[in-house]
PDB file of N, CA and C in Angstrom:
ATOM      1  N   MET A   1     -36.672   0.540   3.951  1.00  0.00           N
ATOM      2  CA  MET A   1     -35.731   1.098   4.974  1.00  0.00           C
ATOM      3  C   MET A   1     -34.293   1.097   4.188  1.00  0.00           C
ATOM      4  N   ILE A   2     -33.667   2.314   4.041  1.00  0.00           N
ATOM      5  CA  ILE A   2     -32.450   2.414   3.546  1.00  0.00           C
ATOM      6  C   ILE A   2     -31.515   2.195   4.889  1.00  0.00           C
ATOM      7  N   LEU A   3     -30.457   1.492   4.809  1.00  0.00           N
ATOM      8  CA  LEU A   3     -29.376   1.318   5.756  1.00  0.00           C
ATOM      9  C   LEU A   3     -28.078   1.305   5.203  1.00  0.00           C
ATOM     10  N   TYR A   4     -27.079   1.580   6.047  1.00  0.00           N
ATOM     11  CA  TYR A   4     -25.540   1.647   5.529  1.00  0.00           C
ATOM     12  C   TYR A   4     -24.874   0.814   6.358  1.00  0.00           C
ATOM     13  N   ARG A   5     -23.594   0.454   5.814  1.00  0.00           N
ATOM     14  CA  ARG A   5     -22.820  -0.590   6.585  1.00  0.00           C
ATOM     15  C   ARG A   5     -21.389  -0.229   6.274  1.00  0.00           C
ATOM     16  N   PRO A   6     -20.549   0.384   7.367  1.00  0.00           N
ATOM     17  CA  PRO A   6     -19.148   0.527   6.985  1.00  0.00           C
ATOM     18  C   PRO A   6     -18.350  -0.761   7.084  1.00  0.00           C
ATOM     19  N   VAL A   7     -17.606  -0.990   6.091  1.00  0.00           N
ATOM     20  CA  VAL A   7     -17.037  -2.261   6.037  1.00  0.00           C
ATOM     21  C   VAL A   7     -15.428  -2.201   5.557  1.00  0.00           C
ATOM     22  N   GLY A   8     -14.554  -3.095   5.916  1.00  0.00           N
ATOM     23  CA  GLY A   8     -13.420  -3.200   5.319  1.00  0.00           C
ATOM     24  C   GLY A   8     -13.385  -4.059   4.231  1.00  0.00           C
ATOM     25  N   THR A   9     -11.819  -4.009   3.854  1.00  0.00           N
ATOM     26  CA  THR A   9     -11.638  -4.797   2.391  1.00  0.00           C
ATOM     27  C   THR A   9     -12.193  -6.185   2.589  1.00  0.00           C
ATOM     28  N   LYS A  10     -11.745  -6.879   3.651  1.00  0.00           N
ATOM     29  CA  LYS A  10     -12.226  -8.249   3.675  1.00  0.00           C
ATOM     30  C   LYS A  10     -13.508  -8.667   3.833  1.00  0.00           C
ATOM     31  N   GLU A  11     -14.184  -8.002   4.425  1.00  0.00           N
ATOM     32  CA  GLU A  11     -15.780  -7.987   4.439  1.00  0.00           C
ATOM     33  C   GLU A  11     -16.375  -7.603   3.149  1.00  0.00           C
ATOM     34  N   LEU A  12     -15.771  -6.542   2.565  1.00  0.00           N
ATOM     35  CA  LEU A  12     -16.396  -6.378   1.205  1.00  0.00           C
ATOM     36  C   LEU A  12     -16.073  -7.257   0.244  1.00  0.00           C
ATOM     37  N   GLU A  13     -14.902  -8.125   0.133  1.00  0.00           N
ATOM     38  CA  GLU A  13     -14.517  -9.201  -0.648  1.00  0.00           C
ATOM     39  C   GLU A  13     -15.771 -10.284  -0.505  1.00  0.00           C
ATOM     40  N   LEU A  14     -16.045 -10.644   0.685  1.00  0.00           N
ATOM     41  CA  LEU A  14     -17.232 -11.511   0.952  1.00  0.00           C
ATOM     42  C   LEU A  14     -18.525 -11.120   0.383  1.00  0.00           C
ATOM     43  N   ILE A  15     -18.746 -10.003   0.677  1.00  0.00           N
ATOM     44  CA  ILE A  15     -20.082  -9.280  -0.111  1.00  0.00           C
ATOM     45  C   ILE A  15     -20.017  -9.382  -1.481  1.00  0.00           C
ATOM     46  N   ARG A  16     -18.793  -9.094  -2.131  1.00  0.00           N
ATOM     47  CA  ARG A  16     -18.690  -9.339  -3.582  1.00  0.00           C
ATOM     48  C   ARG A  16     -18.964 -10.705  -4.106  1.00  0.00           C
ATOM     49  N   GLU A  17     -18.370 -11.619  -3.167  1.00  0.00           N
ATOM     50  CA  GLU A  17     -18.611 -13.142  -3.516  1.00  0.00           C
ATOM     51  C   GLU A  17     -20.029 -13.630  -3.345  1.00  0.00           C
ATOM     52  N   SER A  18     -20.839 -12.705  -2.658  1.00  0.00           N
ATOM     53  CA  SER A  18     -22.296 -13.142  -2.742  1.00  0.00           C
ATOM     54  C   SER A  18     -22.850 -12.576  -3.743  1.00  0.00           C
ATOM     55  N   GLY A  19     -22.453 -11.864  -4.752  1.00  0.00           N
ATOM     56  CA  GLY A  19     -23.018 -11.060  -5.806  1.00  0.00           C
ATOM     57  C   GLY A  19     -23.845  -9.900  -5.352  1.00  0.00           C
ATOM     58  N   TYR A  20     -23.192  -9.313  -4.107  1.00  0.00           N
ATOM     59  CA  TYR A  20     -23.579  -8.104  -3.527  1.00  0.00           C
ATOM     60  C   TYR A  20     -25.027  -8.279  -3.054  1.00  0.00           C
ATOM     61  N   ARG A  21     -25.472  -9.511  -2.505  1.00  0.00           N
ATOM     62  CA  ARG A  21     -26.684  -9.760  -2.076  1.00  0.00           C
ATOM     63  C   ARG A  21     -26.646 -10.062  -0.539  1.00  0.00           C
ATOM     64  N   ALA A  22     -25.653 -10.255  -0.151  1.00  0.00           N
ATOM     65  CA  ALA A  22     -25.666 -10.704   1.431  1.00  0.00           C
ATOM     66  C   ALA A  22     -24.447 -10.237   2.143  1.00  0.00           C
ATOM     67  N   PHE A  23     -24.510 -10.096   3.459  1.00  0.00           N
ATOM     68  CA  PHE A  23     -23.236  -9.858   4.512  1.00  0.00           C
ATOM     69  C   PHE A  23     -22.731 -11.089   4.818  1.00  0.00           C
ATOM     70  N   PRO A  24     -21.639 -11.378   5.248  1.00  0.00           N
ATOM     71  CA  PRO A  24     -21.015 -12.465   5.628  1.00  0.00           C
ATOM     72  C   PRO A  24     -21.511 -12.872   7.047  1.00  0.00           C
ATOM     73  N   PRO A  25     -21.476 -14.225   7.513  1.00  0.00           N
ATOM     74  CA  PRO A  25     -21.646 -14.382   8.930  1.00  0.00           C
ATOM     75  C   PRO A  25     -20.880 -13.621   9.861  1.00  0.00           C
ATOM     76  N   ARG A  26     -21.095 -13.432  10.952  1.00  0.00           N
ATOM     77  CA  ARG A  26     -20.331 -12.875  12.095  1.00  0.00           C
ATOM     78  C   ARG A  26     -19.357 -13.673  12.540  1.00  0.00           C
ATOM     79  N   LEU A  27     -18.079 -13.250  13.135  1.00  0.00           N
ATOM     80  CA  LEU A  27     -17.287 -14.076  13.727  1.00  0.00           C
ATOM     81  C   LEU A  27     -17.696 -14.555  15.290  1.00  0.00           C
ATOM     82  N   PRO A  28     -17.283 -15.500  15.799  1.00  0.00           N
ATOM     83  CA  PRO A  28     -17.759 -15.792  17.039  1.00  0.00           C
ATOM     84  C   PRO A  28     -17.780 -14.759  18.085  1.00  0.00           C
ATOM     85  N   GLU A  29     -16.758 -13.725  18.094  1.00  0.00           N
ATOM     86  CA  GLU A  29     -16.602 -12.790  18.977  1.00  0.00           C
ATOM     87  C   GLU A  29     -17.535 -11.566  18.693  1.00  0.00           C
ATOM     88  N   GLN A  30     -18.319 -11.745  17.574  1.00  0.00           N
ATOM     89  CA  GLN A  30     -19.331 -10.679  17.023  1.00  0.00           C
ATOM     90  C   GLN A  30     -20.558 -11.132  17.353  1.00  0.00           C
ATOM     91  N   PRO A  31     -21.338 -10.870  18.429  1.00  0.00           N
ATOM     92  CA  PRO A  31     -22.800 -11.383  18.536  1.00  0.00           C
ATOM     93  C   PRO A  31     -23.742 -10.560  17.884  1.00  0.00           C
ATOM     94  N   ILE A  32     -23.381  -9.211  17.350  1.00  0.00           N
ATOM     95  CA  ILE A  32     -24.491  -8.479  16.807  1.00  0.00           C
ATOM     96  C   ILE A  32     -23.862  -8.082  15.473  1.00  0.00           C
ATOM     97  N   PHE A  33     -24.690  -7.883  14.588  1.00  0.00           N
ATOM     98  CA  PHE A  33     -24.452  -7.189  13.096  1.00  0.00           C
ATOM     99  C   PHE A  33     -25.165  -5.679  13.249  1.00  0.00           C
ATOM    100  N   TYR A  34     -24.568  -4.906  13.047  1.00  0.00           N
ATOM    101  CA  TYR A  34     -25.304  -3.523  13.327  1.00  0.00           C
ATOM    102  C   TYR A  34     -25.102  -2.553  12.157  1.00  0.00           C
ATOM    103  N   PRO A  35     -26.083  -2.665  11.049  1.00  0.00           N
ATOM    104  CA  PRO A  35     -26.228  -1.521  10.084  1.00  0.00           C
ATOM    105  C   PRO A  35     -26.676  -0.175  10.795  1.00  0.00           C
ATOM    106  N   VAL A  36     -26.169   0.768  10.095  1.00  0.00           N
ATOM    107  CA  VAL A  36     -26.453   1.999  10.655  1.00  0.00           C
ATOM    108  C   VAL A  36     -27.554   2.991   9.832  1.00  0.00           C
ATOM    109  N   LEU A  37     -28.209   3.867  10.468  1.00  0.00           N
ATOM    110  CA  LEU A  37     -29.258   4.580   9.669  1.00  0.00           C
ATOM    111  C   LEU A  37     -29.030   5.690   8.975  1.00  0.00           C
ATOM    112  N   HIS A  38     -27.644   6.147   9.189  1.00  0.00           N
ATOM    113  CA  HIS A  38     -27.339   7.625   8.630  1.00  0.00           C
ATOM    114  C   HIS A  38     -26.060   7.266   7.760  1.00  0.00           C
ATOM    115  N   GLU A  39     -26.091   7.887   6.675  1.00  0.00           N
ATOM    116  CA  GLU A  39     -24.870   7.845   5.901  1.00  0.00           C
ATOM    117  C   GLU A  39     -23.612   8.517   6.573  1.00  0.00           C
ATOM    118  N   LYS A  40     -23.963   9.691   7.039  1.00  0.00           N
ATOM    119  CA  LYS A  40     -23.043  10.473   7.724  1.00  0.00           C
ATOM    120  C   LYS A  40     -22.176   9.649   8.981  1.00  0.00           C
ATOM    121  N   TYR A  41     -22.769   8.845   9.600  1.00  0.00           N
ATOM    122  CA  TYR A  41     -22.241   7.864  10.634  1.00  0.00           C
ATOM    123  C   TYR A  41     -21.526   6.945  10.070  1.00  0.00           C
ATOM    124  N   ALA A  42     -21.978   6.275   8.990  1.00  0.00           N
ATOM    125  CA  ALA A  42     -21.219   5.072   8.394  1.00  0.00           C
ATOM    126  C   ALA A  42     -19.847   5.753   7.630  1.00  0.00           C
ATOM    127  N   VAL A  43     -19.820   6.854   7.231  1.00  0.00           N
ATOM    128  CA  VAL A  43     -18.800   7.475   6.636  1.00  0.00           C
ATOM    129  C   VAL A  43     -17.796   7.800   7.705  1.00  0.00           C
ATOM    130  N   GLU A  44     -18.121   8.198   9.008  1.00  0.00           N
ATOM    131  CA  GLU A  44     -17.225   8.407  10.138  1.00  0.00           C
ATOM    132  C   GLU A  44     -16.567   7.165  10.387  1.00  0.00           C
ATOM    133  N   ILE A  45     -17.282   6.162  10.462  1.00  0.00           N
ATOM    134  CA  ILE A  45     -16.717   4.933  10.917  1.00  0.00           C
ATOM    135  C   ILE A  45     -15.734   4.502   9.814  1.00  0.00           C
ATOM    136  N   ALA A  46     -16.080   4.299   8.468  1.00  0.00           N
ATOM    137  CA  ALA A  46     -15.269   3.966   7.347  1.00  0.00           C
ATOM    138  C   ALA A  46     -13.848   4.609   7.393  1.00  0.00           C
ATOM    139  N   SER A  47     -14.246   6.078   7.491  1.00  0.00           N
ATOM    140  CA  SER A  47     -12.950   6.873   7.088  1.00  0.00           C
ATOM    141  C   SER A  47     -12.060   7.178   8.406  1.00  0.00           C
ATOM    142  N   GLN A  48     -12.583   6.845   9.508  1.00  0.00           N
ATOM    143  CA  GLN A  48     -11.936   7.110  10.663  1.00  0.00           C
ATOM    144  C   GLN A  48     -11.457   5.710  11.413  1.00  0.00           C
ATOM    145  N   TRP A  49     -12.315   4.754  11.493  1.00  0.00           N
ATOM    146  CA  TRP A  49     -11.971   3.455  12.223  1.00  0.00           C
ATOM    147  C   TRP A  49     -11.255   2.557  11.290  1.00  0.00           C
ATOM    148  N   ASN A  50     -12.120   2.174  10.129  1.00  0.00           N
ATOM    149  CA  ASN A  50     -11.546   1.301   9.208  1.00  0.00           C
ATOM    150  C   ASN A  50     -10.281   1.728   8.719  1.00  0.00           C
ATOM    151  N   VAL A  51     -10.183   2.953   8.169  1.00  0.00           N
ATOM    152  CA  VAL A  51      -8.856   3.281   7.714  1.00  0.00           C
ATOM    153  C   VAL A  51      -7.658   3.401   8.692  1.00  0.00           C
ATOM    154  N   LYS A  52      -7.868   3.613   9.890  1.00  0.00           N
ATOM    155  CA  LYS A  52      -6.851   3.414  11.001  1.00  0.00           C
ATOM    156  C   LYS A  52      -6.499   2.038  11.330  1.00  0.00           C
ATOM    157  N   TYR A  53      -7.657   1.060  11.459  1.00  0.00           N
ATOM    158  CA  TYR A  53      -7.247  -0.040  11.959  1.00  0.00           C
ATOM    159  C   TYR A  53      -7.196  -1.339  11.105  1.00  0.00           C
ATOM    160  N   ASN A  54      -7.407  -1.200   9.802  1.00  0.00           N
ATOM    161  CA  ASN A  54      -7.564  -2.302   8.822  1.00  0.00           C
ATOM    162  C   ASN A  54      -6.105  -2.435   8.303  1.00  0.00           C
ATOM    163  N   ASP A  55      -5.563  -3.749   8.234  1.00  0.00           N
ATOM    164  CA  ASP A  55      -4.403  -3.764   7.662  1.00  0.00           C
ATOM    165  C   ASP A  55      -3.957  -3.034   6.338  1.00  0.00           C
ATOM    166  N   ASP A  56      -4.949  -3.029   5.443  1.00  0.00           N
ATOM    167  CA  ASP A  56      -4.636  -2.186   4.424  1.00  0.00           C
ATOM    168  C   ASP A  56      -5.034  -0.741   4.241  1.00  0.00           C
ATOM    169  N   HIS A  57      -5.424  -0.337   5.423  1.00  0.00           N
ATOM    170  CA  HIS A  57      -5.867   1.060   5.679  1.00  0.00           C
ATOM    171  C   HIS A  57      -6.918   1.510   4.597  1.00  0.00           C
ATOM    172  N   ARG A  58      -7.869   0.764   4.368  1.00  0.00           N
ATOM    173  CA  ARG A  58      -9.004   1.095   3.633  1.00  0.00           C
ATOM    174  C   ARG A  58     -10.310   0.898   4.294  1.00  0.00           C
ATOM    175  N   GLY A  59     -11.271   1.801   3.967  1.00  0.00           N
ATOM    176  CA  GLY A  59     -12.658   1.731   4.541  1.00  0.00           C
ATOM    177  C   GLY A  59     -13.613   1.939   3.269  1.00  0.00           C
ATOM    178  N   TYR A  60     -14.768   1.380   3.650  1.00  0.00           N
ATOM    179  CA  TYR A  60     -16.011   1.443   2.576  1.00  0.00           C
ATOM    180  C   TYR A  60     -17.258   1.642   3.195  1.00  0.00           C
ATOM    181  N   VAL A  61     -18.337   2.386   2.517  1.00  0.00           N
ATOM    182  CA  VAL A  61     -19.458   2.580   2.987  1.00  0.00           C
ATOM    183  C   VAL A  61     -20.463   1.860   1.884  1.00  0.00           C
ATOM    184  N   THR A  62     -21.158   0.968   2.510  1.00  0.00           N
ATOM    185  CA  THR A  62     -22.121   0.482   1.540  1.00  0.00           C
ATOM    186  C   THR A  62     -23.618   0.895   1.995  1.00  0.00           C
ATOM    187  N   ARG A  63     -24.663   0.894   1.040  1.00  0.00           N
ATOM    188  CA  ARG A  63     -25.746   1.260   1.164  1.00  0.00           C
ATOM    189  C   ARG A  63     -26.722   0.055   0.611  1.00  0.00           C
ATOM    190  N   PHE A  64     -27.736  -0.196   1.296  1.00  0.00           N
ATOM    191  CA  PHE A  64     -28.729  -1.116   0.870  1.00  0.00           C
ATOM    192  C   PHE A  64     -30.106  -0.869   1.589  1.00  0.00           C
ATOM    193  N   GLU A  65     -30.963  -1.669   0.979  1.00  0.00           N
ATOM    194  CA  GLU A  65     -32.414  -1.504   1.401  1.00  0.00           C
ATOM    195  C   GLU A  65     -33.047  -2.960   2.021  1.00  0.00           C
ATOM    196  N   ILE A  66     -33.659  -2.851   3.037  1.00  0.00           N
ATOM    197  CA  ILE A  66     -34.492  -3.996   3.520  1.00  0.00           C
ATOM    198  C   ILE A  66     -35.958  -3.543   3.689  1.00  0.00           C
ATOM    199  N   ASP A  67     -36.896  -4.655   3.613  1.00  0.00           N
ATOM    200  CA  ASP A  67     -38.191  -4.332   3.501  1.00  0.00           C
ATOM    201  C   ASP A  67     -38.580  -3.511   4.917  1.00  0.00           C
ATOM    202  N   ASP A  68     -39.314  -2.575   4.950  1.00  0.00           N
ATOM    203  CA  ASP A  68     -39.866  -1.847   6.157  1.00  0.00           C
ATOM    204  C   ASP A  68     -40.427  -2.660   7.147  1.00  0.00           C
ATOM    205  N   ALA A  69     -41.187  -3.510   6.939  1.00  0.00           N
ATOM    206  CA  ALA A  69     -41.860  -4.373   7.971  1.00  0.00           C
ATOM    207  C   ALA A  69     -40.849  -5.134   8.771  1.00  0.00           C
ATOM    208  N   TYR A  70     -39.905  -5.811   7.956  1.00  0.00           N
ATOM    209  CA  TYR A  70     -38.930  -6.506   8.812  1.00  0.00           C
ATOM    210  C   TYR A  70     -38.005  -5.599   9.375  1.00  0.00           C
ATOM    211  N   GLY A  71     -37.541  -4.578   8.788  1.00  0.00           N
ATOM    212  CA  GLY A  71     -36.545  -3.593   9.654  1.00  0.00           C
ATOM    213  C   GLY A  71     -37.288  -3.240  10.631  1.00  0.00           C
ATOM    214  N   GLY A  72     -38.354  -2.882  10.831  1.00  0.00           N
ATOM    215  CA  GLY A  72     -39.240  -2.234  11.907  1.00  0.00           C
ATOM    216  C   GLY A  72     -39.281  -3.375  13.100  1.00  0.00           C
ATOM    217  N   ARG A  73     -38.948  -4.473  13.067  1.00  0.00           N
ATOM    218  CA  ARG A  73     -38.861  -5.488  14.087  1.00  0.00           C
ATOM    219  C   ARG A  73     -37.707  -5.150  15.058  1.00  0.00           C
ATOM    220  N   PHE A  74     -36.710  -4.385  14.599  1.00  0.00           N
ATOM    221  CA  PHE A  74     -35.554  -4.272  15.490  1.00  0.00           C
ATOM    222  C   PHE A  74     -35.445  -2.788  15.829  1.00  0.00           C
ATOM    223  N   ASP A  75     -35.001  -2.623  17.413  1.00  0.00           N
ATOM    224  CA  ASP A  75     -35.034  -1.423  17.924  1.00  0.00           C
ATOM    225  C   ASP A  75     -33.881  -0.655  17.490  1.00  0.00           C
ATOM    226  N   VAL A  76     -34.029   0.757  17.482  1.00  0.00           N
ATOM    227  CA  VAL A  76     -32.902   1.531  16.999  1.00  0.00           C
ATOM    228  C   VAL A  76     -32.077   2.031  18.112  1.00  0.00           C
ATOM    229  N   HIS A  77     -30.965   1.777  18.192  1.00  0.00           N
ATOM    230  CA  HIS A  77     -30.161   2.147  19.294  1.00  0.00           C
ATOM    231  C   HIS A  77     -29.218   3.441  18.907  1.00  0.00           C
ATOM    232  N   THR A  78     -29.293   4.430  19.835  1.00  0.00           N
ATOM    233  CA  THR A  78     -28.497   5.718  19.632  1.00  0.00           C
ATOM    234  C   THR A  78     -27.274   5.443  20.478  1.00  0.00           C
ATOM    235  N   VAL A  79     -26.052   5.425  19.971  1.00  0.00           N
ATOM    236  CA  VAL A  79     -24.903   5.012  20.668  1.00  0.00           C
ATOM    237  C   VAL A  79     -23.699   6.293  20.711  1.00  0.00           C
ATOM    238  N   GLY A  80     -24.262   7.286  20.448  1.00  0.00           N
ATOM    239  CA  GLY A  80     -23.452   8.541  20.567  1.00  0.00           C
ATOM    240  C   GLY A  80     -24.091   9.684  20.233  1.00  0.00           C
ATOM    241  N   ALA A  81     -23.731  10.464  19.150  1.00  0.00           N
ATOM    242  CA  ALA A  81     -24.469  11.736  18.800  1.00  0.00           C
ATOM    243  C   ALA A  81     -25.862  11.215  18.242  1.00  0.00           C
ATOM    244  N   GLU A  82     -26.765  12.124  18.037  1.00  0.00           N
ATOM    245  CA  GLU A  82     -28.197  11.858  17.658  1.00  0.00           C
ATOM    246  C   GLU A  82     -28.131  11.031  16.545  1.00  0.00           C
ATOM    247  N   TYR A  83     -27.253  11.191  15.528  1.00  0.00           N
ATOM    248  CA  TYR A  83     -27.147  10.703  14.221  1.00  0.00           C
ATOM    249  C   TYR A  83     -26.484   9.256  14.288  1.00  0.00           C
ATOM    250  N   HIS A  84     -25.922   8.924  15.382  1.00  0.00           N
ATOM    251  CA  HIS A  84     -25.210   7.613  15.679  1.00  0.00           C
ATOM    252  C   HIS A  84     -26.394   6.592  15.824  1.00  0.00           C
ATOM    253  N   GLN A  85     -26.937   6.259  14.945  1.00  0.00           N
ATOM    254  CA  GLN A  85     -28.164   5.040  15.283  1.00  0.00           C
ATOM    255  C   GLN A  85     -27.865   3.919  14.533  1.00  0.00           C
ATOM    256  N   GLU A  86     -28.035   2.747  15.191  1.00  0.00           N
ATOM    257  CA  GLU A  86     -27.839   1.563  14.700  1.00  0.00           C
ATOM    258  C   GLU A  86     -29.135   0.529  14.890  1.00  0.00           C
ATOM    259  N   LEU A  87     -29.180  -0.336  14.143  1.00  0.00           N
ATOM    260  CA  LEU A  87     -30.069  -1.557  14.245  1.00  0.00           C
ATOM    261  C   LEU A  87     -29.115  -2.633  14.947  1.00  0.00           C
ATOM    262  N   TRP A  88     -29.603  -3.301  15.873  1.00  0.00           N
ATOM    263  CA  TRP A  88     -28.822  -4.378  16.377  1.00  0.00           C
ATOM    264  C   TRP A  88     -29.497  -5.846  15.978  1.00  0.00           C
ATOM    265  N   ILE A  89     -28.724  -6.499  15.169  1.00  0.00           N
ATOM    266  CA  ILE A  89     -29.558  -7.836  14.683  1.00  0.00           C
ATOM    267  C   ILE A  89     -28.664  -8.789  15.221  1.00  0.00           C
ATOM    268  N   PRO A  90     -29.177  -9.802  15.895  1.00  0.00           N
ATOM    269  CA  PRO A  90     -28.453 -10.912  16.536  1.00  0.00           C
ATOM    270  C   PRO A  90     -27.706 -11.663  15.446  1.00  0.00           C
ATOM    271  N   ALA A  91     -26.354 -12.029  15.611  1.00  0.00           N
ATOM    272  CA  ALA A  91     -25.868 -12.701  14.695  1.00  0.00           C
ATOM    273  C   ALA A  91     -26.428 -13.987  14.111  1.00  0.00           C
ATOM    274  N   GLN A  92     -27.163 -14.626  15.009  1.00  0.00           N
ATOM    275  CA  GLN A  92     -27.734 -15.906  14.569  1.00  0.00           C
ATOM    276  C   GLN A  92     -29.023 -15.568  13.478  1.00  0.00           C
ATOM    277  N   GLU A  93     -29.473 -14.331  13.343  1.00  0.00           N
ATOM    278  CA  GLU A  93     -30.530 -13.977  12.546  1.00  0.00           C
ATOM    279  C   GLU A  93     -29.985 -13.110  11.255  1.00  0.00           C
ATOM    280  N   LEU A  94     -28.626 -13.245  11.040  1.00  0.00           N
ATOM    281  CA  LEU A  94     -28.057 -12.544   9.985  1.00  0.00           C
ATOM    282  C   LEU A  94     -28.777 -13.051   8.519  1.00  0.00           C
ATOM    283  N   GLU A  95     -28.634 -14.437   8.480  1.00  0.00           N
ATOM    284  CA  GLU A  95     -29.037 -15.146   7.094  1.00  0.00           C
ATOM    285  C   GLU A  95     -30.508 -14.683   6.856  1.00  0.00           C
ATOM    286  N   THR A  96     -31.356 -14.500   8.019  1.00  0.00           N
ATOM    287  CA  THR A  96     -32.694 -14.280   7.793  1.00  0.00           C
ATOM    288  C   THR A  96     -32.771 -12.729   7.241  1.00  0.00           C
ATOM    289  N   PHE A  97     -31.947 -11.872   7.951  1.00  0.00           N
ATOM    290  CA  PHE A  97     -31.897 -10.535   7.730  1.00  0.00           C
ATOM    291  C   PHE A  97     -31.398 -10.486   6.137  1.00  0.00           C
ATOM    292  N   ASN A  98     -30.421 -11.092   5.692  1.00  0.00           N
ATOM    293  CA  ASN A  98     -29.899 -11.014   4.285  1.00  0.00           C
ATOM    294  C   ASN A  98     -31.010 -11.432   3.454  1.00  0.00           C
ATOM    295  N   GLY A  99     -32.033 -12.294   3.631  1.00  0.00           N
ATOM    296  CA  GLY A  99     -32.964 -12.569   2.867  1.00  0.00           C
ATOM    297  C   GLY A  99     -34.053 -11.362   2.721  1.00  0.00           C
ATOM    298  N   HIS A 100     -33.839 -10.423   3.558  1.00  0.00           N
ATOM    299  CA  HIS A 100     -34.822  -9.318   3.229  1.00  0.00           C
ATOM    300  C   HIS A 100     -34.229  -8.090   2.663  1.00  0.00           C
ATOM    301  N   ILE A 101     -32.915  -8.366   2.179  1.00  0.00           N
ATOM    302  CA  ILE A 101     -32.370  -7.277   1.404  1.00  0.00           C
ATOM    303  C   ILE A 101     -33.101  -7.190   0.078  1.00  0.00           C
ATOM    304  N   LEU A 102     -33.463  -5.933  -0.236  1.00  0.00           N
ATOM    305  CA  LEU A 102     -33.900  -5.692  -1.587  1.00  0.00           C
ATOM    306  C   LEU A 102     -33.056  -5.134  -2.621  1.00  0.00           C
ATOM    307  N   GLY A 103     -32.795  -5.985  -3.586  1.00  0.00           N
ATOM    308  CA  GLY A 103     -31.733  -5.383  -4.674  1.00  0.00           C
ATOM    309  C   GLY A 103     -30.296  -5.944  -4.088  1.00  0.00           C
ATOM    310  N   GLU A 104     -29.467  -5.001  -4.617  1.00  0.00           N
ATOM    311  CA  GLU A 104     -28.004  -5.336  -4.387  1.00  0.00           C
ATOM    312  C   GLU A 104     -27.550  -4.421  -3.314  1.00  0.00           C
ATOM    313  N   ILE A 105     -26.411  -4.849  -2.652  1.00  0.00           N
ATOM    314  CA  ILE A 105     -25.650  -3.909  -1.734  1.00  0.00           C
ATOM    315  C   ILE A 105     -24.832  -3.140  -2.584  1.00  0.00           C
ATOM    316  N   GLN A 106     -24.692  -1.807  -2.411  1.00  0.00           N
ATOM    317  CA  GLN A 106     -23.932  -1.007  -3.014  1.00  0.00           C
ATOM    318  C   GLN A 106     -22.827  -0.372  -2.468  1.00  0.00           C
ATOM    319  N   VAL A 107     -21.705  -0.015  -3.004  1.00  0.00           N
ATOM    320  CA  VAL A 107     -20.456   0.696  -2.271  1.00  0.00           C
ATOM    321  C   VAL A 107     -20.658   2.121  -2.887  1.00  0.00           C
ATOM    322  N   ILE A 108     -20.741   2.854  -1.891  1.00  0.00           N
ATOM    323  CA  ILE A 108     -21.019   4.293  -2.145  1.00  0.00           C
ATOM    324  C   ILE A 108     -19.788   5.269  -1.914  1.00  0.00           C
ATOM    325  N   HIS A 109     -18.973   4.953  -1.033  1.00  0.00           N
ATOM    326  CA  HIS A 109     -17.847   5.595  -0.596  1.00  0.00           C
ATOM    327  C   HIS A 109     -16.510   4.519  -0.395  1.00  0.00           C
ATOM    328  N   SER A 110     -15.242   5.035  -0.729  1.00  0.00           N
ATOM    329  CA  SER A 110     -14.032   4.281  -0.421  1.00  0.00           C
ATOM    330  C   SER A 110     -13.162   5.237   0.110  1.00  0.00           C
ATOM    331  N   PHE A 111     -12.367   5.002   1.177  1.00  0.00           N
ATOM    332  CA  PHE A 111     -11.402   5.755   1.899  1.00  0.00           C
ATOM    333  C   PHE A 111     -10.249   5.156   1.913  1.00  0.00           C
ATOM    334  N   GLY A 112      -9.199   5.916   2.051  1.00  0.00           N
ATOM    335  CA  GLY A 112      -7.818   5.472   2.509  1.00  0.00           C
ATOM    336  C   GLY A 112      -6.912   4.839   1.375  1.00  0.00           C
ATOM    337  N   GLY A 113      -6.115   4.015   1.831  1.00  0.00           N
ATOM    338  CA  GLY A 113      -5.326   3.091   1.021  1.00  0.00           C
ATOM    339  C   GLY A 113      -3.722   3.573   1.364  1.00  0.00           C
ATOM    340  N   GLU A 114      -3.528   4.650   2.030  1.00  0.00           N
ATOM    341  CA  GLU A 114      -2.164   5.232   2.226  1.00  0.00           C
ATOM    342  C   GLU A 114      -2.048   4.725   3.564  1.00  0.00           C
ATOM    343  N   LYS A 115      -0.435   4.509   3.794  1.00  0.00           N
ATOM    344  CA  LYS A 115      -0.217   4.058   5.064  1.00  0.00           C
ATOM    345  C   LYS A 115       0.266   5.319   6.001  1.00  0.00           C
TER     346      LYS A 115
END
């Protein structure tokens, strides 16, 4: 299963520190980790939300793969348009989720940088 995750610079640095093998733990106020199913949706978040609200005005889209059997355990949630689809992974399961990532997390898009 191919998934996408829009991230900011701080989260990307933590991914880099993992050797591009894991997403960092969620903050206490973030009970859900939500990778998205469509690149178009990830691009919207990274280019519109991350660029606008992050201190450095940067946003990135990552792409990664998890094994289908594990990914199929999670319901797909549509949160807007038809392609606004996410998997909702409980924060306490993120370490296990990371263990199911196949290969490396790739950065496929970069946005912003201007104030």
